[in-house]
């Protein structure tokens, strides 16, 4: 693993776009949840119902975001550049999305953390959605704050309905990821990008619908 990755990796510090108003609403929502949890706990039924809805939405949004990125014509190019240069930030975001759809969330988080540490808003938003889905509000709030302060925009168009996208090639992606070299780095799995992935993704007719 290249040594210069370390300067971007901090798991605790750490096209359509999401609008400023939507981001502000999400940030306020997280702040309200954290404050309510600290002051009152999680026992109130009406709050729990809202929480379940947000967790479900976060999962749908994250899978939709991953599908949108990998279905774009430039997706294979980003993966190819990452195979040549593992410090390529755009490639890291796309590779994280591929790992997530292939059922490797820990591997996806590694690459998203690297990209978010380098200032990528979309990677930070992926981490926000991941932690929100698991009810980890403090971590979710941290990554959303990074997404809001990043220089670039979140590259995502939220789906019109709260339903998960249909995976067209999840089995194929799973088999492709199984062929990758994997190392254990600081207790986390580090998947090495491979040129074959770029070719295979380029041959797909969309990743989700």
C-alpha atoms as a PDB file:
ATOM      1  CA  UNK A   1       0.000   0.000   0.000  1.00  0.00           C
ATOM      2  CA  UNK A   2       1.518   3.380  -0.985  1.00  0.00           C
ATOM      3  CA  UNK A   3       2.830   5.264   2.037  1.00  0.00           C
ATOM      4  CA  UNK A   4       1.246   8.572   0.974  1.00  0.00           C
ATOM      5  CA  UNK A   5      -2.228   7.098   1.583  1.00  0.00           C
ATOM      6  CA  UNK A   6      -1.678   7.659   5.291  1.00  0.00           C
ATOM      7  CA  UNK A   7      -1.953  11.433   5.029  1.00  0.00           C
ATOM      8  CA  UNK A   8      -5.525  11.140   3.719  1.00  0.00           C
ATOM      9  CA  UNK A   9      -6.761   8.267   5.885  1.00  0.00           C
ATOM     10  CA  UNK A  10      -8.366   9.275   9.173  1.00  0.00           C
ATOM     11  CA  UNK A  11     -11.364   7.100  10.047  1.00  0.00           C
ATOM     12  CA  UNK A  12     -12.269   9.226  13.083  1.00  0.00           C
ATOM     13  CA  UNK A  13     -11.460  12.714  11.720  1.00  0.00           C
ATOM     14  CA  UNK A  14     -12.469  10.485   9.496  1.00  0.00           C
ATOM     15  CA  UNK A  15     -24.679  15.557 -13.489  1.00  0.00           C
ATOM     16  CA  UNK A  16     -27.198  16.179 -10.797  1.00  0.00           C
ATOM     17  CA  UNK A  17     -26.128  17.245  -7.343  1.00  0.00           C
ATOM     18  CA  UNK A  18     -27.613  17.508  -3.878  1.00  0.00           C
ATOM     19  CA  UNK A  19     -28.644  21.128  -3.400  1.00  0.00           C
ATOM     20  CA  UNK A  20     -27.402  23.395  -0.624  1.00  0.00           C
ATOM     21  CA  UNK A  21     -30.886  23.401   0.907  1.00  0.00           C
ATOM     22  CA  UNK A  22     -30.997  19.592   0.951  1.00  0.00           C
ATOM     23  CA  UNK A  23     -27.578  19.402   2.559  1.00  0.00           C
ATOM     24  CA  UNK A  24     -28.554  21.986   5.174  1.00  0.00           C
ATOM     25  CA  UNK A  25     -31.706  20.020   5.952  1.00  0.00           C
ATOM     26  CA  UNK A  26     -29.706  16.795   6.362  1.00  0.00           C
ATOM     27  CA  UNK A  27     -27.205  18.516   8.623  1.00  0.00           C
ATOM     28  CA  UNK A  28     -29.976  19.995  10.807  1.00  0.00           C
ATOM     29  CA  UNK A  29     -31.657  16.596  10.957  1.00  0.00           C
ATOM     30  CA  UNK A  30     -28.478  14.924  12.202  1.00  0.00           C
ATOM     31  CA  UNK A  31     -27.894  17.635  14.788  1.00  0.00           C
ATOM     32  CA  UNK A  32     -31.462  17.257  16.099  1.00  0.00           C
ATOM     33  CA  UNK A  33     -31.096  13.479  16.338  1.00  0.00           C
ATOM     34  CA  UNK A  34     -27.776  13.653  18.181  1.00  0.00           C
ATOM     35  CA  UNK A  35     -29.115  16.236  20.616  1.00  0.00           C
ATOM     36  CA  UNK A  36     -32.349  14.306  21.231  1.00  0.00           C
ATOM     37  CA  UNK A  37     -30.468  11.054  21.778  1.00  0.00           C
ATOM     38  CA  UNK A  38     -28.108  12.617  24.285  1.00  0.00           C
ATOM     39  CA  UNK A  39     -30.898  14.383  26.186  1.00  0.00           C
ATOM     40  CA  UNK A  40     -33.777  11.930  26.076  1.00  0.00           C
ATOM     41  CA  UNK A  41     -32.423   8.564  24.905  1.00  0.00           C
ATOM     42  CA  UNK A  42     -34.106   6.530  22.171  1.00  0.00           C
ATOM     43  CA  UNK A  43     -37.250   5.351  23.926  1.00  0.00           C
ATOM     44  CA  UNK A  44     -39.847   7.615  22.351  1.00  0.00           C
ATOM     45  CA  UNK A  45     -42.016   5.680  19.824  1.00  0.00           C
ATOM     46  CA  UNK A  46     -42.627   8.588  17.428  1.00  0.00           C
ATOM     47  CA  UNK A  47     -38.923   9.370  17.246  1.00  0.00           C
ATOM     48  CA  UNK A  48     -38.112   5.718  16.631  1.00  0.00           C
ATOM     49  CA  UNK A  49     -40.507   5.655  13.668  1.00  0.00           C
ATOM     50  CA  UNK A  50     -38.745   8.660  12.122  1.00  0.00           C
ATOM     51  CA  UNK A  51     -35.373   7.046  12.800  1.00  0.00           C
ATOM     52  CA  UNK A  52     -36.321   3.817  11.009  1.00  0.00           C
ATOM     53  CA  UNK A  53     -37.441   5.810   7.980  1.00  0.00           C
ATOM     54  CA  UNK A  54     -34.129   7.672   7.860  1.00  0.00           C
ATOM     55  CA  UNK A  55     -32.142   4.445   8.173  1.00  0.00           C
ATOM     56  CA  UNK A  56     -34.075   2.931   5.269  1.00  0.00           C
ATOM     57  CA  UNK A  57     -33.640   6.069   3.187  1.00  0.00           C
ATOM     58  CA  UNK A  58     -29.896   6.099   3.835  1.00  0.00           C
ATOM     59  CA  UNK A  59     -29.545   2.541   2.524  1.00  0.00           C
ATOM     60  CA  UNK A  60     -31.558   3.328  -0.619  1.00  0.00           C
ATOM     61  CA  UNK A  61     -29.611   6.529  -1.236  1.00  0.00           C
ATOM     62  CA  UNK A  62     -26.233   4.831  -0.847  1.00  0.00           C
ATOM     63  CA  UNK A  63     -27.020   1.999  -3.239  1.00  0.00           C
ATOM     64  CA  UNK A  64     -28.560   4.457  -5.699  1.00  0.00           C
ATOM     65  CA  UNK A  65     -25.488   6.687  -5.549  1.00  0.00           C
ATOM     66  CA  UNK A  66     -23.173   3.716  -6.178  1.00  0.00           C
ATOM     67  CA  UNK A  67     -25.289   2.536  -9.078  1.00  0.00           C
ATOM     68  CA  UNK A  68     -25.418   5.990 -10.638  1.00  0.00           C
ATOM     69  CA  UNK A  69     -21.661   6.422 -10.566  1.00  0.00           C
ATOM     70  CA  UNK A  70     -20.771   2.979 -11.894  1.00  0.00           C
ATOM     71  CA  UNK A  71     -23.379   3.189 -14.653  1.00  0.00           C
ATOM     72  CA  UNK A  72     -21.795   6.316 -16.120  1.00  0.00           C
ATOM     73  CA  UNK A  73     -19.576   6.059 -19.220  1.00  0.00           C
ATOM     74  CA  UNK A  74     -16.571   7.419 -17.313  1.00  0.00           C
ATOM     75  CA  UNK A  75     -16.815   4.750 -14.608  1.00  0.00           C
ATOM     76  CA  UNK A  76     -14.494   2.274 -16.318  1.00  0.00           C
ATOM     77  CA  UNK A  77     -11.967   5.030 -17.007  1.00  0.00           C
ATOM     78  CA  UNK A  78     -11.839   6.020 -13.342  1.00  0.00           C
ATOM     79  CA  UNK A  79     -11.268   2.401 -12.318  1.00  0.00           C
ATOM     80  CA  UNK A  80      -8.549   2.007 -14.941  1.00  0.00           C
ATOM     81  CA  UNK A  81      -6.721   5.108 -13.686  1.00  0.00           C
ATOM     82  CA  UNK A  82      -6.937   3.818 -10.116  1.00  0.00           C
ATOM     83  CA  UNK A  83      -5.280   0.567 -11.186  1.00  0.00           C
ATOM     84  CA  UNK A  84      -2.401   2.647 -12.598  1.00  0.00           C
ATOM     85  CA  UNK A  85      -2.302   5.143  -9.720  1.00  0.00           C
ATOM     86  CA  UNK A  86      -3.855   3.957  -6.420  1.00  0.00           C
ATOM     87  CA  UNK A  87      -3.899   7.559  -5.165  1.00  0.00           C
ATOM     88  CA  UNK A  88      -6.404   8.672  -7.837  1.00  0.00           C
ATOM     89  CA  UNK A  89      -9.243  10.244  -5.828  1.00  0.00           C
ATOM     90  CA  UNK A  90     -12.069   9.844  -8.364  1.00  0.00           C
ATOM     91  CA  UNK A  91     -11.058   6.245  -8.909  1.00  0.00           C
ATOM     92  CA  UNK A  92     -11.126   5.646  -5.156  1.00  0.00           C
ATOM     93  CA  UNK A  93     -14.742   6.859  -4.948  1.00  0.00           C
ATOM     94  CA  UNK A  94     -15.830   4.620  -7.824  1.00  0.00           C
ATOM     95  CA  UNK A  95     -13.909   1.627  -6.499  1.00  0.00           C
ATOM     96  CA  UNK A  96     -15.530   2.091  -3.096  1.00  0.00           C
ATOM     97  CA  UNK A  97     -18.942   2.053  -4.753  1.00  0.00           C
ATOM     98  CA  UNK A  98     -18.093  -1.133  -6.639  1.00  0.00           C
ATOM     99  CA  UNK A  99     -16.960  -2.832  -3.428  1.00  0.00           C
ATOM    100  CA  UNK A 100     -20.128  -1.744  -1.642  1.00  0.00           C
ATOM    101  CA  UNK A 101     -22.384  -3.197  -4.342  1.00  0.00           C
ATOM    102  CA  UNK A 102     -20.310  -6.384  -4.304  1.00  0.00           C
ATOM    103  CA  UNK A 103     -21.012  -6.852  -0.599  1.00  0.00           C
ATOM    104  CA  UNK A 104     -17.698  -5.563   0.797  1.00  0.00           C
ATOM    105  CA  UNK A 105     -18.717  -2.564   2.946  1.00  0.00           C
ATOM    106  CA  UNK A 106     -15.495  -2.531   4.981  1.00  0.00           C
ATOM    107  CA  UNK A 107     -13.406  -2.420   1.833  1.00  0.00           C
ATOM    108  CA  UNK A 108     -15.642   0.319   0.443  1.00  0.00           C
ATOM    109  CA  UNK A 109     -15.214   2.387   3.600  1.00  0.00           C
ATOM    110  CA  UNK A 110     -11.425   2.157   3.322  1.00  0.00           C
ATOM    111  CA  UNK A 111     -11.417   3.771  -0.127  1.00  0.00           C
ATOM    112  CA  UNK A 112     -14.120   6.310   0.720  1.00  0.00           C
ATOM    113  CA  UNK A 113     -12.175   7.385   3.803  1.00  0.00           C
ATOM    114  CA  UNK A 114      -9.082   7.851   1.671  1.00  0.00           C
ATOM    115  CA  UNK A 115     -10.980   9.980  -0.855  1.00  0.00           C
ATOM    116  CA  UNK A 116     -12.880  11.940   1.808  1.00  0.00           C
ATOM    117  CA  UNK A 117      -9.620  12.640   3.615  1.00  0.00           C
ATOM    118  CA  UNK A 118      -8.371  14.164   0.370  1.00  0.00           C
ATOM    119  CA  UNK A 119     -11.404  16.470   0.296  1.00  0.00           C
ATOM    120  CA  UNK A 120     -13.904  14.620  -1.909  1.00  0.00           C
ATOM    121  CA  UNK A 121     -17.505  15.481  -0.990  1.00  0.00           C
ATOM    122  CA  UNK A 122     -19.103  12.450  -2.657  1.00  0.00           C
ATOM    123  CA  UNK A 123     -16.894  10.049  -0.686  1.00  0.00           C
ATOM    124  CA  UNK A 124     -17.747  11.839   2.560  1.00  0.00           C
ATOM    125  CA  UNK A 125     -21.443  11.645   1.662  1.00  0.00           C
ATOM    126  CA  UNK A 126     -21.118   7.887   1.044  1.00  0.00           C
ATOM    127  CA  UNK A 127     -19.652   7.526   4.534  1.00  0.00           C
ATOM    128  CA  UNK A 128     -22.428   9.681   5.976  1.00  0.00           C
ATOM    129  CA  UNK A 129     -25.068   7.414   4.413  1.00  0.00           C
ATOM    130  CA  UNK A 130     -23.258   4.258   5.547  1.00  0.00           C
ATOM    131  CA  UNK A 131     -23.084   5.364   9.184  1.00  0.00           C
ATOM    132  CA  UNK A 132     -26.605   6.804   9.151  1.00  0.00           C
ATOM    133  CA  UNK A 133     -27.945   3.479   7.862  1.00  0.00           C
ATOM    134  CA  UNK A 134     -26.324   1.736  10.831  1.00  0.00           C
ATOM    135  CA  UNK A 135     -27.649   4.319  13.296  1.00  0.00           C
ATOM    136  CA  UNK A 136     -24.162   5.671  14.039  1.00  0.00           C
ATOM    137  CA  UNK A 137     -25.217   9.287  14.319  1.00  0.00           C
ATOM    138  CA  UNK A 138     -22.002  10.786  15.644  1.00  0.00           C
ATOM    139  CA  UNK A 139     -19.969   9.297  12.790  1.00  0.00           C
ATOM    140  CA  UNK A 140     -22.670  10.279  10.298  1.00  0.00           C
ATOM    141  CA  UNK A 141     -22.599  13.866  11.518  1.00  0.00           C
ATOM    142  CA  UNK A 142     -18.799  13.976  11.217  1.00  0.00           C
ATOM    143  CA  UNK A 143     -18.776  12.861   7.584  1.00  0.00           C
ATOM    144  CA  UNK A 144     -21.645  15.140   6.615  1.00  0.00           C
ATOM    145  CA  UNK A 145     -19.731  18.097   8.025  1.00  0.00           C
ATOM    146  CA  UNK A 146     -16.763  17.107   5.857  1.00  0.00           C
ATOM    147  CA  UNK A 147     -19.047  16.814   2.826  1.00  0.00           C
ATOM    148  CA  UNK A 148     -20.403  20.303   3.473  1.00  0.00           C
ATOM    149  CA  UNK A 149     -16.942  21.857   3.720  1.00  0.00           C
ATOM    150  CA  UNK A 150     -15.422  20.086   0.689  1.00  0.00           C
ATOM    151  CA  UNK A 151     -14.516  22.124  -2.378  1.00  0.00           C
ATOM    152  CA  UNK A 152     -16.360  19.914  -4.872  1.00  0.00           C
ATOM    153  CA  UNK A 153     -20.066  19.040  -5.057  1.00  0.00           C
ATOM    154  CA  UNK A 154     -21.796  15.792  -4.160  1.00  0.00           C
ATOM    155  CA  UNK A 155     -22.253  14.017  -7.472  1.00  0.00           C
ATOM    156  CA  UNK A 156     -25.660  12.418  -6.882  1.00  0.00           C
ATOM    157  CA  UNK A 157     -29.284  12.753  -7.937  1.00  0.00           C
ATOM    158  CA  UNK A 158     -31.544  11.395  -5.143  1.00  0.00           C
ATOM    159  CA  UNK A 159     -34.047   8.777  -6.378  1.00  0.00           C
ATOM    160  CA  UNK A 160     -37.680   9.970  -6.609  1.00  0.00           C
ATOM    161  CA  UNK A 161     -39.013   6.983  -4.640  1.00  0.00           C
ATOM    162  CA  UNK A 162     -37.810   5.312  -1.454  1.00  0.00           C
ATOM    163  CA  UNK A 163     -37.076   1.920  -2.942  1.00  0.00           C
ATOM    164  CA  UNK A 164     -33.725   0.253  -3.536  1.00  0.00           C
ATOM    165  CA  UNK A 165     -32.430   0.016  -7.102  1.00  0.00           C
ATOM    166  CA  UNK A 166     -32.514  -3.392  -8.743  1.00  0.00           C
ATOM    167  CA  UNK A 167     -29.035  -4.884  -8.932  1.00  0.00           C
ATOM    168  CA  UNK A 168     -28.421  -6.122 -12.446  1.00  0.00           C
ATOM    169  CA  UNK A 169     -24.944  -7.503 -11.903  1.00  0.00           C
ATOM    170  CA  UNK A 170     -24.357  -7.915  -8.153  1.00  0.00           C
ATOM    171  CA  UNK A 171     -23.336 -11.568  -8.593  1.00  0.00           C
ATOM    172  CA  UNK A 172     -20.920 -10.648 -11.366  1.00  0.00           C
ATOM    173  CA  UNK A 173     -19.380  -7.874  -9.269  1.00  0.00           C
ATOM    174  CA  UNK A 174     -19.089 -10.238  -6.314  1.00  0.00           C
ATOM    175  CA  UNK A 175     -17.186 -12.796  -8.390  1.00  0.00           C
ATOM    176  CA  UNK A 176     -14.932 -10.104  -9.864  1.00  0.00           C
ATOM    177  CA  UNK A 177     -14.066  -8.731  -6.416  1.00  0.00           C
ATOM    178  CA  UNK A 178     -13.332 -12.236  -5.134  1.00  0.00           C
ATOM    179  CA  UNK A 179     -10.425 -12.373  -7.609  1.00  0.00           C
ATOM    180  CA  UNK A 180      -8.763  -9.238  -6.234  1.00  0.00           C
ATOM    181  CA  UNK A 181      -5.693  -9.296  -4.024  1.00  0.00           C
ATOM    182  CA  UNK A 182      -6.675  -8.407  -0.443  1.00  0.00           C
ATOM    183  CA  UNK A 183      -4.442  -7.345   2.448  1.00  0.00           C
ATOM    184  CA  UNK A 184      -5.202  -6.656   6.096  1.00  0.00           C
ATOM    185  CA  UNK A 185      -4.132  -3.092   6.864  1.00  0.00           C
ATOM    186  CA  UNK A 186      -4.617  -1.737  10.395  1.00  0.00           C
ATOM    187  CA  UNK A 187      -7.390  -4.252  11.006  1.00  0.00           C
ATOM    188  CA  UNK A 188      -9.269  -3.409   7.799  1.00  0.00           C
ATOM    189  CA  UNK A 189      -9.369  -5.152   4.438  1.00  0.00           C
ATOM    190  CA  UNK A 190      -7.496  -3.385   1.657  1.00  0.00           C
ATOM    191  CA  UNK A 191      -8.648  -4.510  -1.814  1.00  0.00           C
ATOM    192  CA  UNK A 192      -6.115  -3.852  -4.551  1.00  0.00           C
ATOM    193  CA  UNK A 193      -7.657  -2.334  -7.718  1.00  0.00           C
ATOM    194  CA  UNK A 194      -7.119  -4.332 -10.886  1.00  0.00           C
ATOM    195  CA  UNK A 195      -7.248  -3.470 -14.595  1.00  0.00           C
ATOM    196  CA  UNK A 196      -9.622  -6.367 -15.174  1.00  0.00           C
ATOM    197  CA  UNK A 197     -12.308  -4.597 -13.168  1.00  0.00           C
ATOM    198  CA  UNK A 198     -12.243  -1.606 -15.502  1.00  0.00           C
ATOM    199  CA  UNK A 199     -12.684  -3.824 -18.550  1.00  0.00           C
ATOM    200  CA  UNK A 200     -15.466  -5.830 -16.905  1.00  0.00           C
ATOM    201  CA  UNK A 201     -17.407  -2.747 -15.777  1.00  0.00           C
ATOM    202  CA  UNK A 202     -17.054  -1.215 -19.236  1.00  0.00           C
ATOM    203  CA  UNK A 203     -18.653  -4.331 -20.729  1.00  0.00           C
ATOM    204  CA  UNK A 204     -21.689  -4.121 -18.427  1.00  0.00           C
ATOM    205  CA  UNK A 205     -24.942  -2.683 -19.752  1.00  0.00           C
ATOM    206  CA  UNK A 206     -25.593  -0.592 -16.657  1.00  0.00           C
ATOM    207  CA  UNK A 207     -25.072  -1.713 -13.083  1.00  0.00           C
ATOM    208  CA  UNK A 208     -28.558  -1.090 -11.678  1.00  0.00           C
ATOM    209  CA  UNK A 209     -31.860   0.146 -12.955  1.00  0.00           C
END
